[in-house]
Protein backbone atom coordinates (compact mmCIF):
# COMPACT_ATOMS: atom_id res chain seq x y z
CA UNK A 1 42.41 -23.67 1.97
CA UNK A 2 45.22 -23.56 3.28
CA UNK A 3 46.53 -23.71 6.93
CA UNK A 4 46.82 -19.75 7.34
CA UNK A 5 43.06 -19.43 5.81
CA UNK A 6 41.72 -21.87 7.85
CA UNK A 7 43.30 -20.49 11.39
CA UNK A 8 41.85 -16.54 9.94
CA UNK A 9 38.64 -18.50 9.60
CA UNK A 10 38.46 -19.86 12.62
CA UNK A 11 39.58 -16.43 14.20
CA UNK A 12 36.75 -14.90 12.76
CA UNK A 13 34.02 -17.29 13.47
CA UNK A 14 34.93 -16.92 17.34
CA UNK A 15 34.83 -13.32 16.80
CA UNK A 16 31.15 -13.28 15.11
CA UNK A 17 30.25 -15.88 17.44
CA UNK A 18 31.23 -13.53 20.46
CA UNK A 19 29.44 -10.60 18.97
CA UNK A 20 26.49 -12.35 17.94
CA UNK A 21 25.79 -14.18 21.39
CA UNK A 22 26.38 -10.69 23.10
CA UNK A 23 24.48 -8.22 20.68
CA UNK A 24 21.65 -10.56 19.57
CA UNK A 25 21.01 -13.00 22.71
CA UNK A 26 22.18 -10.83 25.30
CA UNK A 27 24.71 -13.18 26.77
CA UNK A 28 28.08 -12.42 28.29
CA UNK A 29 29.29 -15.84 29.57
CA UNK A 30 30.15 -16.46 25.99
CA UNK A 31 32.59 -13.76 25.55
CA UNK A 32 33.85 -14.39 29.52
CA UNK A 33 34.14 -17.99 28.72
CA UNK A 34 37.16 -17.02 26.18
CA UNK A 35 39.00 -14.52 28.28
CA UNK A 36 42.76 -15.71 29.22
CA UNK A 37 44.00 -14.81 32.57
CA UNK A 38 45.98 -11.41 31.67
CA UNK A 39 43.32 -10.26 29.54
CA UNK A 40 42.70 -6.80 28.37
CA UNK A 41 39.49 -4.85 27.88
CA UNK A 42 39.23 -1.16 26.98
CA UNK A 43 35.80 0.21 26.03
CA UNK A 44 34.50 3.84 24.91
CA UNK A 45 34.27 5.30 28.08
CA UNK A 46 36.43 6.75 29.92
CA UNK A 47 36.60 4.72 33.13
CA UNK A 48 36.20 1.75 30.76
CA UNK A 49 38.89 -0.29 31.23
CA UNK A 50 39.87 -3.21 33.32
CA UNK A 51 43.15 -6.35 33.68
CA UNK A 52 42.92 -9.84 34.22
CA UNK A 53 40.06 -12.03 33.67
CA UNK A 54 38.55 -11.77 36.84
CA UNK A 55 38.26 -7.94 36.70
CA UNK A 56 36.61 -7.83 32.88
CA UNK A 57 34.28 -10.61 33.35
CA UNK A 58 32.82 -8.24 36.31
CA UNK A 59 32.75 -5.37 34.66
CA UNK A 60 30.60 -7.28 32.03
CA UNK A 61 28.06 -9.02 34.38
CA UNK A 62 27.88 -5.87 36.73
CA UNK A 63 26.99 -3.55 33.21
CA UNK A 64 23.53 -3.66 34.29
CA UNK A 65 20.47 -3.77 32.00
CA UNK A 66 21.15 -5.09 28.53
CA UNK A 67 19.40 -4.52 24.95
CA UNK A 68 18.72 -7.26 22.66
CA UNK A 69 20.31 -5.71 19.06
CA UNK A 70 20.20 -6.70 15.58
CA UNK A 71 23.76 -6.92 14.25
CA UNK A 72 23.75 -6.11 10.41
CA UNK A 73 26.38 -5.34 7.93
CA UNK A 74 29.24 -7.42 9.14
CA UNK A 75 32.58 -7.23 8.26
CA UNK A 76 36.15 -9.02 9.97
CA UNK A 77 39.67 -8.73 9.04
CA UNK A 78 42.10 -10.51 10.69
CA UNK A 79 46.06 -10.25 10.76
CA UNK A 80 48.36 -12.93 11.86
CA UNK A 81 50.81 -11.49 14.87
CA UNK A 82 53.05 -14.83 14.69
CA UNK A 83 53.69 -16.89 17.57
CA UNK A 84 49.66 -17.77 17.98
CA UNK A 85 48.54 -14.28 18.31
CA UNK A 86 46.14 -12.80 15.90
CA UNK A 87 44.79 -9.23 15.50
CA UNK A 88 40.74 -9.68 14.49
CA UNK A 89 38.98 -6.55 14.00
CA UNK A 90 35.10 -6.76 13.24
CA UNK A 91 32.22 -3.87 12.54
CA UNK A 92 28.74 -3.78 11.98
CA UNK A 93 25.13 -1.86 12.50
CA UNK A 94 23.71 -2.65 15.83
CA UNK A 95 20.09 -2.02 15.94
CA UNK A 96 17.73 -2.21 18.91
CA UNK A 97 15.25 -5.14 18.14
CA UNK A 98 11.69 -4.21 17.77
CA UNK A 99 9.31 -4.03 20.81
CA UNK A 100 11.77 -2.70 23.65
CA UNK A 101 11.10 0.51 25.29
CA UNK A 102 13.75 2.10 23.70
CA UNK A 103 15.39 2.57 20.20
CA UNK A 104 19.47 2.58 19.13
CA UNK A 105 21.17 2.30 16.34
CA UNK A 106 24.97 2.58 16.43
CA UNK A 107 28.07 1.56 14.22
CA UNK A 108 30.24 -0.66 16.73
CA UNK A 109 33.61 -2.17 15.94
CA UNK A 110 35.02 -4.60 18.07
CA UNK A 111 38.82 -5.20 18.48
CA UNK A 112 39.87 -8.73 19.34
CA UNK A 113 43.10 -10.45 20.15
CA UNK A 114 43.19 -13.84 20.49
CA UNK A 115 46.09 -16.49 21.53
CA UNK A 116 46.19 -19.91 20.60
CA UNK A 117 46.51 -22.67 22.98
CA UNK A 118 46.63 -26.20 23.53
CA UNK A 119 42.93 -26.16 24.69
CA UNK A 120 42.16 -23.30 21.74
CA UNK A 121 41.33 -20.05 20.92
CA UNK A 122 41.60 -17.37 24.06
CA UNK A 123 41.13 -13.32 24.31
CA UNK A 124 43.78 -11.60 25.17
CA UNK A 125 42.33 -8.64 24.25
CA UNK A 126 39.02 -6.88 23.79
CA UNK A 127 38.44 -3.03 22.34
CA UNK A 128 35.18 -1.70 22.13
CA UNK A 129 33.67 1.20 20.72
CA UNK A 130 30.61 2.71 19.10
CA UNK A 131 29.98 6.69 17.62
CA UNK A 132 27.81 8.13 20.26
CA UNK A 133 27.24 11.48 21.97
CA UNK A 134 29.62 12.87 23.76
CA UNK A 135 27.71 12.76 27.04
CA UNK A 136 27.45 9.13 26.90
CA UNK A 137 27.42 8.03 30.45
CA UNK A 138 31.19 6.98 31.69
CA UNK A 139 29.67 4.01 33.94
CA UNK A 140 27.54 2.61 31.00
CA UNK A 141 28.81 -0.42 29.24
CA UNK A 142 26.27 0.31 26.32
CA UNK A 143 24.05 3.38 25.74
CA UNK A 144 20.93 2.75 27.97
CA UNK A 145 19.97 6.17 29.21
CA UNK A 146 20.21 7.27 25.56
CA UNK A 147 18.30 4.25 24.01
CA UNK A 148 15.50 5.27 26.27
CA UNK A 149 15.92 8.94 25.10
CA UNK A 150 16.03 8.46 21.57
CA UNK A 151 12.92 5.57 21.90
CA UNK A 152 10.79 8.91 23.55
CA UNK A 153 12.32 11.13 20.67
CA UNK A 154 10.97 8.97 18.18
CA UNK A 155 7.27 8.50 20.23
CA UNK A 156 7.27 12.07 20.39
CA UNK A 157 8.38 12.91 16.45
CA UNK A 158 5.75 9.55 15.48
CA UNK A 159 3.09 11.79 17.65
CA UNK A 160 3.38 14.96 16.10
CA UNK A 161 3.05 13.31 12.68
CA UNK A 162 -0.61 11.71 13.46
CA UNK A 163 -1.43 15.08 15.16
CA UNK A 164 -0.33 16.47 11.74
CA UNK A 165 -2.04 13.89 9.55
CA UNK A 166 -5.13 14.00 11.26
CA UNK A 167 -5.33 17.86 10.89
CA UNK A 168 -4.64 17.21 7.33
CA UNK A 169 -7.65 14.77 7.42
CA UNK A 170 -10.05 16.51 8.76
CA UNK A 171 -9.49 19.25 6.35
CA UNK A 172 -9.55 16.91 3.57
CA UNK A 173 -12.99 17.52 1.54
CA UNK A 174 -13.93 13.88 1.77
CA UNK A 175 -12.53 11.05 4.01
CA UNK A 176 -10.22 7.83 3.20
CA UNK A 177 -10.55 4.24 3.64
CA UNK A 178 -8.37 0.66 3.79
CA UNK A 179 -10.02 -1.85 2.28
CA UNK A 180 -9.17 -5.49 1.20
CA UNK A 181 -8.63 -6.03 -2.86
CA UNK A 182 -11.50 -8.61 -2.72
CA UNK A 183 -14.83 -8.01 -5.04
CA UNK A 184 -16.54 -6.72 -1.70
CA UNK A 185 -13.54 -4.54 -1.12
CA UNK A 186 -13.66 -5.53 2.93
CA UNK A 187 -13.27 -2.50 4.69
CA UNK A 188 -10.16 -2.67 7.41
CA UNK A 189 -10.08 0.93 8.66
CA UNK A 190 -12.24 3.97 7.88
CA UNK A 191 -11.64 7.78 8.47
CA UNK A 192 -13.84 9.93 10.51
CA UNK A 193 -14.37 12.27 7.49
CA UNK A 194 -15.61 9.60 5.22
CA UNK A 195 -18.13 8.53 8.04
CA UNK A 196 -19.20 12.22 8.37
CA UNK A 197 -19.68 12.44 4.44
CA UNK A 198 -21.93 9.69 4.66
CA UNK A 199 -23.41 11.10 7.92
CA UNK A 200 -22.69 8.08 10.32
CA UNK A 201 -21.91 9.35 13.30
CA UNK A 202 -18.81 7.03 13.73
CA UNK A 203 -17.41 3.92 12.37
CA UNK A 204 -19.07 1.44 13.87
CA UNK A 205 -22.13 2.61 12.59
CA UNK A 206 -20.84 2.79 9.20
CA UNK A 207 -19.62 -0.86 9.88
CA UNK A 208 -22.91 -1.89 10.55
CA UNK A 209 -24.95 -0.40 7.94
CA UNK A 210 -22.50 -0.95 5.05
CA UNK A 211 -21.65 -5.01 6.75
CA UNK A 212 -18.13 -3.96 6.81
CA UNK A 213 -18.05 -3.46 2.93
CA UNK A 214 -17.53 -0.46 0.22
CA UNK A 215 -20.16 -2.45 -1.62
CA UNK A 216 -22.57 -1.61 1.39
CA UNK A 217 -22.50 1.69 0.91
CA UNK A 218 -22.09 2.20 -2.80
CA UNK A 219 -25.60 2.36 -5.28
CA UNK A 220 -26.14 -1.18 -6.78
CA UNK A 221 -26.34 0.05 -10.23
CA UNK A 222 -22.73 1.29 -9.93
CA UNK A 223 -21.11 -1.42 -7.94
CA UNK A 224 -20.63 -3.44 -10.72
CA UNK A 225 -19.05 -0.98 -13.44
CA UNK A 226 -16.90 0.02 -10.95
CA UNK A 227 -15.30 -3.11 -9.56
CA UNK A 228 -14.71 -3.59 -13.45
CA UNK A 229 -12.63 -0.50 -14.10
CA UNK A 230 -10.68 -0.63 -10.50
CA UNK A 231 -9.61 -4.03 -11.41
CA UNK A 232 -8.68 -3.61 -14.78
CA UNK A 233 -6.78 -0.44 -13.76
CA UNK A 234 -4.85 -2.21 -11.12
CA UNK A 235 -3.90 -4.91 -13.76
CA UNK A 236 -2.00 -2.25 -15.58
CA UNK A 237 -0.61 -0.56 -12.56
CA UNK A 238 -1.09 -0.42 -8.46
CA UNK A 239 -3.25 3.05 -8.85
CA UNK A 240 -6.74 3.77 -9.97
CA UNK A 241 -9.36 6.23 -10.19
CA UNK A 242 -13.20 6.13 -10.64
CA UNK A 243 -16.54 8.11 -10.18
CA UNK A 244 -19.89 6.41 -8.51
CA UNK A 245 -22.43 7.23 -6.63
CA UNK A 246 -23.21 5.92 -2.67
CA UNK A 247 -25.68 6.33 -0.68
CA UNK A 248 -26.00 8.13 2.91
CA UNK A 249 -27.48 6.85 6.07
CA UNK A 250 -30.76 8.81 5.21
CA UNK A 251 -31.30 6.95 1.65
CA UNK A 252 -29.95 10.40 -0.33
CA UNK A 253 -26.89 9.80 -3.32
CA UNK A 254 -24.03 11.62 -3.35
CA UNK A 255 -21.19 11.43 -6.67
CA UNK A 256 -17.75 10.51 -5.54
CA UNK A 257 -14.41 10.31 -7.04
CA UNK A 258 -12.39 7.47 -5.71
CA UNK A 259 -8.70 7.39 -5.72
CA UNK A 260 -6.85 4.59 -4.67
CA UNK A 261 -3.53 2.36 -5.01
CA UNK A 262 -2.99 -1.15 -4.17
CA UNK A 263 -0.25 -2.11 -1.69
CA UNK A 264 1.21 -5.22 0.01
CA UNK A 265 1.09 -5.40 4.20
CA UNK A 266 3.93 -6.95 6.54
CA UNK A 267 1.65 -10.36 6.31
CA UNK A 268 1.64 -10.33 2.46
CA UNK A 269 -2.08 -8.89 2.34
CA UNK A 270 -3.06 -7.12 -0.47
CA UNK A 271 -4.57 -4.33 0.56
CA UNK A 272 -6.16 -0.62 -1.05
CA UNK A 273 -5.73 2.85 0.35
CA UNK A 274 -8.04 5.08 -1.05
CA UNK A 275 -9.34 8.43 -0.83
CA UNK A 276 -13.15 9.62 -1.67
CA UNK A 277 -14.31 12.89 -2.26
CA UNK A 278 -17.77 14.18 -3.01
CA UNK A 279 -18.53 15.94 -6.57
CA UNK A 280 -21.86 15.89 -6.69
CA UNK A 281 -21.83 19.59 -7.38
CA UNK A 282 -19.41 19.02 -10.46
CA UNK A 283 -21.84 16.24 -11.43
CA UNK A 284 -24.73 18.50 -11.33
CA UNK A 285 -23.09 21.14 -13.58
CA UNK A 286 -21.85 18.68 -16.18
CA UNK A 287 -25.86 17.44 -15.95
CA UNK A 288 -26.59 20.70 -16.73
CA UNK A 289 -24.17 21.37 -19.45
CA UNK A 290 -25.40 18.12 -20.93
CA UNK A 291 -28.61 19.46 -21.22
CA UNK A 292 -28.33 23.08 -22.47
CA UNK A 293 -26.33 21.06 -25.09
CA UNK A 294 -29.20 18.75 -25.96
CA UNK A 295 -31.39 21.64 -25.69
CA UNK A 296 -29.43 23.52 -28.32
CA UNK A 297 -28.51 20.42 -30.70
CA UNK A 298 -32.84 19.98 -30.54
CA UNK A 299 -33.24 23.83 -31.59
CA UNK A 300 -30.40 23.63 -34.45
CA UNK A 301 -32.20 20.39 -35.63
CA UNK A 302 -35.40 21.89 -35.86
CA UNK A 303 -34.26 25.32 -37.58
CA UNK A 304 -32.77 22.95 -40.02
CA UNK A 305 -35.93 21.29 -40.58
CA UNK A 306 -38.02 24.19 -40.57
CA UNK A 307 -35.66 25.78 -43.47
CA UNK A 308 -35.65 22.86 -45.47
CA UNK A 309 -39.58 22.14 -45.24
CA UNK A 310 -41.34 25.62 -45.40
CA UNK A 311 -41.98 26.28 -49.29
CA UNK A 312 -40.71 29.47 -49.54
CA UNK A 313 -37.79 31.57 -49.10
CA UNK A 314 -36.35 33.75 -46.26
CA UNK A 315 -34.90 37.27 -47.52
CA UNK A 316 -32.91 39.32 -45.12
CA UNK A 317 -32.92 43.07 -45.77
CA UNK A 318 -31.69 46.50 -44.50
CA UNK A 319 -35.51 48.93 -44.33
CA UNK A 320 -33.78 51.98 -45.26
CA UNK A 321 -32.88 52.90 -48.91
CA UNK A 322 -31.31 51.60 -50.98
CA UNK A 323 -33.04 48.43 -49.19
CA UNK A 324 -30.06 45.90 -49.75
């Protein structure tokens, strides 16, 4: 690396340090410590400008509440202006960190002019801007109110989606559950619809009766075959479908169809999301068809045996002349 590349690397490292300290650590002093006595600052708003170290430092220190961001997709470009002056521009996405009562995601742009001194690089010019709404407050250094408004909008959207999901679940002819991918299918969450299907008043009653597992409400004679079929299907792909019998609260039985998908949670745990639907009527019709087919087969077998064993012939003719 030649001397020019070295100084450009040093300039970009300082720009990255300033931006990371400010956005990620909510630390304004890192920037302020680099300000030259004659520094100029220009922000994104109409009145966002200041001249001189004290005025610029005051603008940043008095900006009010700060947001903690994640800074991603950064890119820096540096130009040697000659005479120990370097222009460095940096871009990147800033996204408010989780856990705050606000949400922001903007494309941030910052330009610095650094001057080389005997004590190192000092900042002589700062310009920061970001894509934002036209009604962004003139006195705000960064969009705090917009962040709160964005957070509230997200809450409203999520609430509406939750209401839609609850409505959809209430209309489905069955219920849903989330369980672990173990041999008992330990239940993590169960919908009210599944409780209704099995005649339990709520999830707590179902948990107590089943021991908190799918094994606890599946008819024992069906469980092992269901387990083998489900695990074999998920070895080929992450989805499965199967049919088995379950016991209701009163001891009665239902035939159900189970459609599921295996996912991996943020914690790295394998979970199964599934939908369970009552197919008892379908199974009853299938049984009737099977019994009817058996009866027809038995009748056919009887007639065949009859034809083969009766010691005479069977003749069919017309009762009118010529008696053909």
